[in-house]
């Protein structure tokens, strides 16, 4: 594993659970300005920065014709690709 794993890497190792990712997506969808959010045991992720760094998610969220389900999928993908900080 890389020295700075992604949320997806941690998910594969069961250090971040599906419930953690789901809660992070819910938090972002409720407030797109959400900053550091606890994800898993001992990790924090800046949700707004993670989504902002992933172009496809930004485009999906900006498109009023995109379904809520697809927007959530894009946010989830952005979060899984992001690298959290150790808390």
C-alpha atoms as a PDB file:
ATOM      1  CA  UNK A   1       0.000   0.000   0.000  1.00  0.00           C
ATOM      2  CA  UNK A   2       1.176   3.514  -0.701  1.00  0.00           C
ATOM      3  CA  UNK A   3       2.401   5.631   2.175  1.00  0.00           C
ATOM      4  CA  UNK A   4      -0.488   8.005   1.576  1.00  0.00           C
ATOM      5  CA  UNK A   5      -3.445   5.741   0.756  1.00  0.00           C
ATOM      6  CA  UNK A   6      -6.689   6.889  -0.768  1.00  0.00           C
ATOM      7  CA  UNK A   7     -10.029   6.372   0.930  1.00  0.00           C
ATOM      8  CA  UNK A   8     -10.549   3.612  -1.642  1.00  0.00           C
ATOM      9  CA  UNK A   9      -7.327   1.881  -0.514  1.00  0.00           C
ATOM     10  CA  UNK A  10      -8.442   2.101   3.108  1.00  0.00           C
ATOM     11  CA  UNK A  11     -11.897   0.820   2.104  1.00  0.00           C
ATOM     12  CA  UNK A  12     -10.350  -2.255   0.456  1.00  0.00           C
ATOM     13  CA  UNK A  13      -8.515  -2.975   3.709  1.00  0.00           C
ATOM     14  CA  UNK A  14     -11.703  -2.479   5.762  1.00  0.00           C
ATOM     15  CA  UNK A  15     -10.120   0.467   7.598  1.00  0.00           C
ATOM     16  CA  UNK A  16     -12.898   2.636   6.191  1.00  0.00           C
ATOM     17  CA  UNK A  17     -16.341   1.093   6.037  1.00  0.00           C
ATOM     18  CA  UNK A  18     -19.175   1.596   3.580  1.00  0.00           C
ATOM     19  CA  UNK A  19     -21.100   3.349   6.359  1.00  0.00           C
ATOM     20  CA  UNK A  20     -18.206   5.837   6.725  1.00  0.00           C
ATOM     21  CA  UNK A  21     -18.233   6.647   3.019  1.00  0.00           C
ATOM     22  CA  UNK A  22     -22.022   6.874   2.964  1.00  0.00           C
ATOM     23  CA  UNK A  23     -21.967   9.296   5.925  1.00  0.00           C
ATOM     24  CA  UNK A  24     -19.335  11.420   4.183  1.00  0.00           C
ATOM     25  CA  UNK A  25     -21.423  11.569   0.981  1.00  0.00           C
ATOM     26  CA  UNK A  26     -24.496  12.511   3.034  1.00  0.00           C
ATOM     27  CA  UNK A  27     -22.538  15.241   4.813  1.00  0.00           C
ATOM     28  CA  UNK A  28     -21.260  16.690   1.543  1.00  0.00           C
ATOM     29  CA  UNK A  29     -24.683  16.563  -0.104  1.00  0.00           C
ATOM     30  CA  UNK A  30     -26.184  18.372   2.891  1.00  0.00           C
ATOM     31  CA  UNK A  31     -23.473  21.051   2.864  1.00  0.00           C
ATOM     32  CA  UNK A  32     -21.030  21.339  -0.039  1.00  0.00           C
ATOM     33  CA  UNK A  33     -18.796  23.524   2.111  1.00  0.00           C
ATOM     34  CA  UNK A  34     -18.122  20.679   4.558  1.00  0.00           C
ATOM     35  CA  UNK A  35     -14.468  20.718   5.494  1.00  0.00           C
ATOM     36  CA  UNK A  36     -12.636  17.992   7.373  1.00  0.00           C
ATOM     37  CA  UNK A  37     -14.921  15.086   8.145  1.00  0.00           C
ATOM     38  CA  UNK A  38     -13.939  11.989  10.162  1.00  0.00           C
ATOM     39  CA  UNK A  39     -13.704   8.938   7.921  1.00  0.00           C
ATOM     40  CA  UNK A  40     -12.819   5.596   9.428  1.00  0.00           C
ATOM     41  CA  UNK A  41     -10.743   5.172  12.534  1.00  0.00           C
ATOM     42  CA  UNK A  42      -8.190   7.955  12.769  1.00  0.00           C
ATOM     43  CA  UNK A  43      -8.649   9.637   9.393  1.00  0.00           C
ATOM     44  CA  UNK A  44     -10.118  12.944   8.320  1.00  0.00           C
ATOM     45  CA  UNK A  45     -10.987  14.109   4.829  1.00  0.00           C
ATOM     46  CA  UNK A  46     -11.732  17.612   3.567  1.00  0.00           C
ATOM     47  CA  UNK A  47     -14.887  16.770   1.639  1.00  0.00           C
ATOM     48  CA  UNK A  48     -15.181  20.073  -0.211  1.00  0.00           C
ATOM     49  CA  UNK A  49     -11.560  19.896  -1.382  1.00  0.00           C
ATOM     50  CA  UNK A  50     -11.902  16.248  -2.436  1.00  0.00           C
ATOM     51  CA  UNK A  51     -14.934  16.934  -4.601  1.00  0.00           C
ATOM     52  CA  UNK A  52     -13.420  20.142  -5.974  1.00  0.00           C
ATOM     53  CA  UNK A  53     -10.324  18.189  -7.066  1.00  0.00           C
ATOM     54  CA  UNK A  54     -12.363  15.697  -9.115  1.00  0.00           C
ATOM     55  CA  UNK A  55     -13.540  17.346 -12.342  1.00  0.00           C
ATOM     56  CA  UNK A  56     -16.292  14.860 -13.234  1.00  0.00           C
ATOM     57  CA  UNK A  57     -17.938  15.407  -9.850  1.00  0.00           C
ATOM     58  CA  UNK A  58     -17.731  19.182 -10.193  1.00  0.00           C
ATOM     59  CA  UNK A  59     -19.347  19.021 -13.638  1.00  0.00           C
ATOM     60  CA  UNK A  60     -22.106  16.665 -12.478  1.00  0.00           C
ATOM     61  CA  UNK A  61     -22.922  18.840  -9.475  1.00  0.00           C
ATOM     62  CA  UNK A  62     -23.039  21.988 -11.618  1.00  0.00           C
ATOM     63  CA  UNK A  63     -25.433  20.459 -14.160  1.00  0.00           C
ATOM     64  CA  UNK A  64     -29.076  21.014 -13.146  1.00  0.00           C
ATOM     65  CA  UNK A  65     -30.146  18.157 -15.454  1.00  0.00           C
ATOM     66  CA  UNK A  66     -28.024  15.571 -13.643  1.00  0.00           C
ATOM     67  CA  UNK A  67     -29.975  13.234 -11.368  1.00  0.00           C
ATOM     68  CA  UNK A  68     -29.399  13.268  -7.627  1.00  0.00           C
ATOM     69  CA  UNK A  69     -28.368   9.604  -7.766  1.00  0.00           C
ATOM     70  CA  UNK A  70     -25.644  10.356 -10.321  1.00  0.00           C
ATOM     71  CA  UNK A  71     -24.452  13.366  -8.311  1.00  0.00           C
ATOM     72  CA  UNK A  72     -24.138  11.136  -5.225  1.00  0.00           C
ATOM     73  CA  UNK A  73     -22.205   8.578  -7.272  1.00  0.00           C
ATOM     74  CA  UNK A  74     -19.794  11.247  -8.486  1.00  0.00           C
ATOM     75  CA  UNK A  75     -19.294  12.572  -4.950  1.00  0.00           C
ATOM     76  CA  UNK A  76     -18.663   9.020  -3.696  1.00  0.00           C
ATOM     77  CA  UNK A  77     -16.098   8.482  -6.457  1.00  0.00           C
ATOM     78  CA  UNK A  78     -14.356  11.752  -5.627  1.00  0.00           C
ATOM     79  CA  UNK A  79     -14.147  10.776  -1.962  1.00  0.00           C
ATOM     80  CA  UNK A  80     -12.842   7.278  -2.715  1.00  0.00           C
ATOM     81  CA  UNK A  81     -10.062   8.766  -4.848  1.00  0.00           C
ATOM     82  CA  UNK A  82      -9.060  11.346  -2.234  1.00  0.00           C
ATOM     83  CA  UNK A  83      -6.190  10.971   0.213  1.00  0.00           C
ATOM     84  CA  UNK A  84      -7.206  11.574   3.818  1.00  0.00           C
ATOM     85  CA  UNK A  85      -5.111  13.013   6.614  1.00  0.00           C
ATOM     86  CA  UNK A  86      -4.285  11.032   9.708  1.00  0.00           C
ATOM     87  CA  UNK A  87      -6.254  12.424  12.632  1.00  0.00           C
END
